[in-house]
């Protein structure tokens, strides 16, 4: 959590180094921590290709995360993280020009956010998914 907190410090290089050390310390079966670390590392990448690779790693790890596994870090239900993962990856694909892949992520994000309560977090995600949908030409995004 301390390494994740460094992402808020504005020191991207330091945060990237600390999160990379955490990634290296995790075992491949540490899906929850790897999902969160990769999710934050993606946002710290200096180029789009690396960003998308980390977003893909985050989503791949998420597929193996049990629902309550992230509660220790303040995410009571792992399902709350899914829309953000799909949104980030979809936007990365959009910026790469991979519109079909972006549409898949958008659709999965819309489905995932539908199960969240109507709070500030889910409204933020819904707004992001709407913007992504508009950018990739989804009707009724």
Protein backbone atom coordinates (compact mmCIF):
# COMPACT_ATOMS: atom_id res chain seq x y z
CA UNK A 1 0.00 0.00 0.00
CA UNK A 2 2.89 2.37 0.69
CA UNK A 3 4.14 1.89 -2.86
CA UNK A 4 0.65 2.55 -4.23
CA UNK A 5 0.55 5.69 -2.11
CA UNK A 6 3.65 7.01 -3.83
CA UNK A 7 1.62 7.31 -7.03
CA UNK A 8 -0.17 10.23 -5.39
CA UNK A 9 3.09 11.99 -4.55
CA UNK A 10 3.62 13.31 -8.06
CA UNK A 11 6.98 11.53 -8.21
CA UNK A 12 6.27 9.17 -11.09
CA UNK A 13 9.82 7.81 -11.39
CA UNK A 14 10.00 6.99 -7.68
CA UNK A 15 6.52 5.46 -7.70
CA UNK A 16 7.35 3.38 -10.77
CA UNK A 17 10.54 2.07 -9.10
CA UNK A 18 8.76 1.19 -5.85
CA UNK A 19 5.85 -0.51 -7.58
CA UNK A 20 8.26 -2.41 -9.85
CA UNK A 21 10.06 -3.72 -6.77
CA UNK A 22 6.72 -4.85 -5.35
CA UNK A 23 5.87 -6.55 -8.65
CA UNK A 24 9.20 -8.39 -8.63
CA UNK A 25 8.61 -9.51 -5.03
CA UNK A 26 5.20 -11.02 -5.84
CA UNK A 27 4.77 -14.61 -6.86
CA UNK A 28 2.81 -15.34 -10.04
CA UNK A 29 0.00 -16.72 -7.85
CA UNK A 30 -0.33 -13.43 -5.92
CA UNK A 31 -3.14 -12.33 -8.20
CA UNK A 32 -4.68 -9.64 -5.98
CA UNK A 33 -1.48 -7.70 -5.33
CA UNK A 34 -0.31 -8.18 -8.92
CA UNK A 35 -3.62 -6.84 -10.25
CA UNK A 36 -3.41 -3.68 -8.12
CA UNK A 37 0.30 -3.13 -8.74
CA UNK A 38 -0.08 -3.53 -12.51
CA UNK A 39 -3.14 -1.24 -12.50
CA UNK A 40 -1.12 1.55 -10.89
CA UNK A 41 2.04 0.85 -12.86
CA UNK A 42 0.12 1.26 -16.12
CA UNK A 43 -0.66 4.87 -15.29
CA UNK A 44 3.00 5.60 -14.61
CA UNK A 45 4.40 4.40 -17.92
CA UNK A 46 6.11 6.94 -20.15
CA UNK A 47 4.83 5.38 -23.37
CA UNK A 48 1.53 3.97 -24.57
CA UNK A 49 2.80 0.48 -25.43
CA UNK A 50 4.09 -0.12 -21.91
CA UNK A 51 0.94 1.37 -20.42
CA UNK A 52 -1.27 -1.04 -22.37
CA UNK A 53 0.97 -3.99 -21.46
CA UNK A 54 0.56 -3.19 -17.75
CA UNK A 55 -3.20 -2.71 -18.17
CA UNK A 56 -3.35 -6.15 -19.83
CA UNK A 57 -1.38 -7.65 -16.93
CA UNK A 58 -3.76 -6.07 -14.43
CA UNK A 59 -6.80 -7.50 -16.19
CA UNK A 60 -5.17 -10.92 -16.56
CA UNK A 61 -4.42 -11.04 -12.83
CA UNK A 62 -7.93 -9.79 -12.02
CA UNK A 63 -9.41 -12.87 -13.69
CA UNK A 64 -8.00 -14.90 -10.77
CA UNK A 65 -8.88 -12.54 -7.90
CA UNK A 66 -11.42 -13.79 -5.36
CA UNK A 67 -14.15 -11.28 -4.49
CA UNK A 68 -12.94 -10.41 -0.97
CA UNK A 69 -9.24 -10.66 -1.75
CA UNK A 70 -8.72 -6.90 -2.07
CA UNK A 71 -10.55 -5.94 1.14
CA UNK A 72 -7.25 -5.56 3.01
CA UNK A 73 -6.37 -2.64 0.75
CA UNK A 74 -9.73 -0.93 0.98
CA UNK A 75 -11.56 -2.53 -1.94
CA UNK A 76 -14.35 -4.52 -0.25
CA UNK A 77 -15.44 -6.28 -3.43
CA UNK A 78 -13.06 -7.07 -6.27
CA UNK A 79 -15.93 -6.45 -8.70
CA UNK A 80 -15.58 -2.73 -7.95
CA UNK A 81 -12.17 -2.73 -9.65
CA UNK A 82 -13.30 -4.40 -12.89
CA UNK A 83 -14.89 -1.35 -14.58
CA UNK A 84 -11.75 0.70 -14.02
CA UNK A 85 -9.57 -2.05 -15.48
CA UNK A 86 -11.76 -2.31 -18.59
CA UNK A 87 -11.97 1.47 -18.96
CA UNK A 88 -8.20 1.94 -18.76
CA UNK A 89 -7.44 -0.89 -21.15
CA UNK A 90 -10.17 0.20 -23.56
CA UNK A 91 -8.81 3.73 -23.62
CA UNK A 92 -5.29 2.42 -24.22
CA UNK A 93 -6.52 0.32 -27.12
CA UNK A 94 -8.40 3.35 -28.50
CA UNK A 95 -5.24 5.45 -28.42
CA UNK A 96 -3.39 2.63 -30.20
CA UNK A 97 -6.04 2.63 -32.92
CA UNK A 98 -7.29 -0.83 -31.92
CA UNK A 99 -10.96 0.13 -31.99
CA UNK A 100 -12.42 -3.39 -32.06
CA UNK A 101 -10.48 -4.31 -28.92
CA UNK A 102 -11.47 -0.97 -27.34
CA UNK A 103 -15.14 -1.75 -28.02
CA UNK A 104 -14.84 -5.11 -26.29
CA UNK A 105 -13.32 -3.49 -23.21
CA UNK A 106 -15.94 -0.75 -23.27
CA UNK A 107 -18.77 -3.30 -23.37
CA UNK A 108 -17.23 -5.30 -20.53
CA UNK A 109 -16.75 -2.12 -18.50
CA UNK A 110 -20.38 -1.10 -19.02
CA UNK A 111 -21.52 -4.52 -17.82
CA UNK A 112 -19.19 -4.42 -14.82
CA UNK A 113 -20.21 -0.93 -13.70
CA UNK A 114 -23.91 -1.84 -13.88
CA UNK A 115 -23.52 -3.92 -10.72
CA UNK A 116 -22.04 -1.09 -8.65
CA UNK A 117 -24.01 1.15 -6.31
CA UNK A 118 -24.83 4.68 -7.44
CA UNK A 119 -22.03 6.52 -5.67
CA UNK A 120 -19.30 8.97 -6.65
CA UNK A 121 -16.90 6.22 -7.71
CA UNK A 122 -19.37 4.47 -10.00
CA UNK A 123 -20.60 7.79 -11.45
CA UNK A 124 -16.97 8.65 -12.25
CA UNK A 125 -16.52 5.29 -14.00
CA UNK A 126 -19.81 5.61 -15.87
CA UNK A 127 -18.78 9.05 -17.12
CA UNK A 128 -15.42 7.68 -18.26
CA UNK A 129 -17.08 4.78 -20.03
CA UNK A 130 -19.52 7.17 -21.71
CA UNK A 131 -16.61 9.29 -22.98
CA UNK A 132 -14.78 6.19 -24.18
CA UNK A 133 -17.92 4.99 -25.95
CA UNK A 134 -18.29 8.32 -27.70
CA UNK A 135 -14.65 8.26 -28.79
CA UNK A 136 -14.89 4.76 -30.26
CA UNK A 137 -18.24 5.37 -31.93
CA UNK A 138 -20.43 3.22 -29.74
CA UNK A 139 -24.09 4.13 -30.20
CA UNK A 140 -25.84 4.91 -26.93
CA UNK A 141 -22.56 4.87 -25.04
